[in-house]
Amino acid sequence: MASSSEDAFQHCEGLSLSEPESGASLRSRSASLSSTGSSGRLQLRHRVAQLMACVEDISSDDEIHEEVSRTLDEAFLIWGKKLKDKCQEFRLHLVTWNVGTASPPPDVTSLLQLNSTGPAMDMYVIGLQEVNSKITNFLSDLAFDDPWSIFFMTVLSPLGYIKLSSVRMQGLLLLIFVKHVHLPFIRDIHTDYTRTGLYGYWGNKGGVSVRMSLFGHTICFMNCHLPAHMENTEQRLDDFEKILEMQFEGEDIPSPLDHELLFWFGDLNFRIADYGIHFVRESISNKRFNLLWEKDQLNMAKNREEFLKDFKEGPLQFKPTYKFDLDSEVYDTREQKSLFWFNEKKRKPAWTDRILWKVKNLSEVASKEGEFSEEENPISVTLNSYVSHMSYGISDHKPVTGTFMLEMKPLVSDPLVTLYPEGEWSAEHDVLIRYSAAPELPSSAWDWIGLFQVTFKHMKDYVTYAWVEDDEVSSSKNSKQVYMSASEIPKMGGEFLLCYYSNNLQSIVGISEPFQIQPSQTPVEKDVPEEESSLLQKTDNPESDGGSENRKSI
């Protein structure tokens, strides 16, 4: 039997195993193949194909069988380790803009780099200041999404982004959008805000934050609007320290500085000290921005304030972003009269709008504790661009964007829930969803599975939903089935997604691949009376605790 197996191998072109090679020899050859790049990979694929063609002729009693099996096991172990050590690349685009109570512009293509030829962004973080917060606007925005949120959702949802989280404090607004595919790997989302206006009683100044766990790494985004005017440098620093101390205070959440990565941005209102307005404007006209850097109040504060020293910022290679005449690229030329008919002083240009970041230095923490770690930080940040956008003129500030590449070793690589639709879906019959949950999922009676259009805008933008407990129809050790009624399935059909929402984690922990719902063969009724239409909807809403209580008591 052994000789016939060897004969079979010798007939395989270019693959002679009449004298079995050692595992070390095979590993050596694999290393040389991989070092040749794409041509090496082609050769490797060719050899694997040859092996597959011959492997059926190997008897389990042959010596060659044991040797090949051992070598393949070693190859899988090496590849598994390589996958484990592989870094996740994550593209982030961050916007800060004082919009001066204006309405959204007609187009933000350049602001969001939507025409970029490179890979698409994984996440958009948008921090706005001075969003219109007059009492009538603010009360309306409490009941409904504000115009800016609606605007960005309208732009980004057709591109496959969902509004992951948002937080607002009067004129401060922070929005985070992310690609659908990343939703199961973003957990522990929390928001907070801190007022610093009028000694902490008014929210016209302060900071708003969103923190999360991204692939198991803690990240915090902080949008701030600090006090204005040249002479208030110390007040700005004091307010920022207060915001850092108060954010998530009393909660079982790390402080902003204890996150692995902290982004700090907004209208920070730092000015250019000492130099007069004519020297500043002349330096800007000649694009000699470096002459102004050493007198930038934030740069000076970073050199002397201990709590700022680890914050990094890209080079200020763009014009100061404040103060401009509206709808122009011309710095402040106002001649209007102010109180008692005195001319208002023209404002000196300044880099008020900034984006900074801080990576927690784990090796430094270890050395303070008497240990030394030679391991690299588990997350690294590369700034790809840091620019202003001069074409936007709706306010006296120009928006600033930073584009980043985050590299991290994923600590979370599998979703807590996997789910998919079973069979063909249409409104002609009830449909089934099958899902399986990881043992560590903190399941709840209030967990639900939502049916969403592929262009859904936020987590409440579902078409319909099913309670995972009440609507369960079968259960086994490895998976469960949930049904949706035919009356709740869209008759027009189209492309949809299923998402599993965890009430305990307050986030989507599983998402299906896109799938088609077939259009209904029966005519779609038009002009259904409002009362009759409402009867077709579920009576309890997954976003309403009261509805959940009612559901449980039935």
Foldseek 3Di string as FASTA:
>chain_A
DQVVLQVLQVPQPPGHCPPPDALVVVVVLLVVLVVVPPNSVVVVVVVVVSCVVSVVSDDPPYPNVVRVVVSVVVVVVVVVVVLLPAKDKAKEKEKAEALQQFADDPDCCVVLVVVDPDDHHFKYKYKYFQHPQDPVQVVVCVVPPHRVLVVVLVVCLVVQWAFFDWDDFRRIIITMIGHPVQFQQKFDKDKDWFAPPPNGPHRNWTKIKIWIQGLNFIEMEIEGDADADAVCLVRLVVRVVVNQVPVCPPHPDDGQLPGQKYKYWYQSHWFQPDDDQVVLVVCVVVQVCVVRQVRGSVNVCCVPPPVNVQKDFDDPSEWQFDFPDFQALHADPDQAADPPRHGDDGDRGGNRTGMIMGGDDPQVVQVVVVHGDPDDRQKDKDWPDWYWDRRHGSHRGTMIMIMMMMIGSRPHDDFQKEKDWPDAAALPFKTKMKMFGDPPQPADQLKKKFKFASSAHYPQRGLAIWRCPVQWDDDDPGMTMGIDGSLSGDQQKDKIKMWIAGPVRRGTRYIYDIDIHDHHPDDDDPPDDPVVVVVSGDPAGSVDPVSVVVVVVD
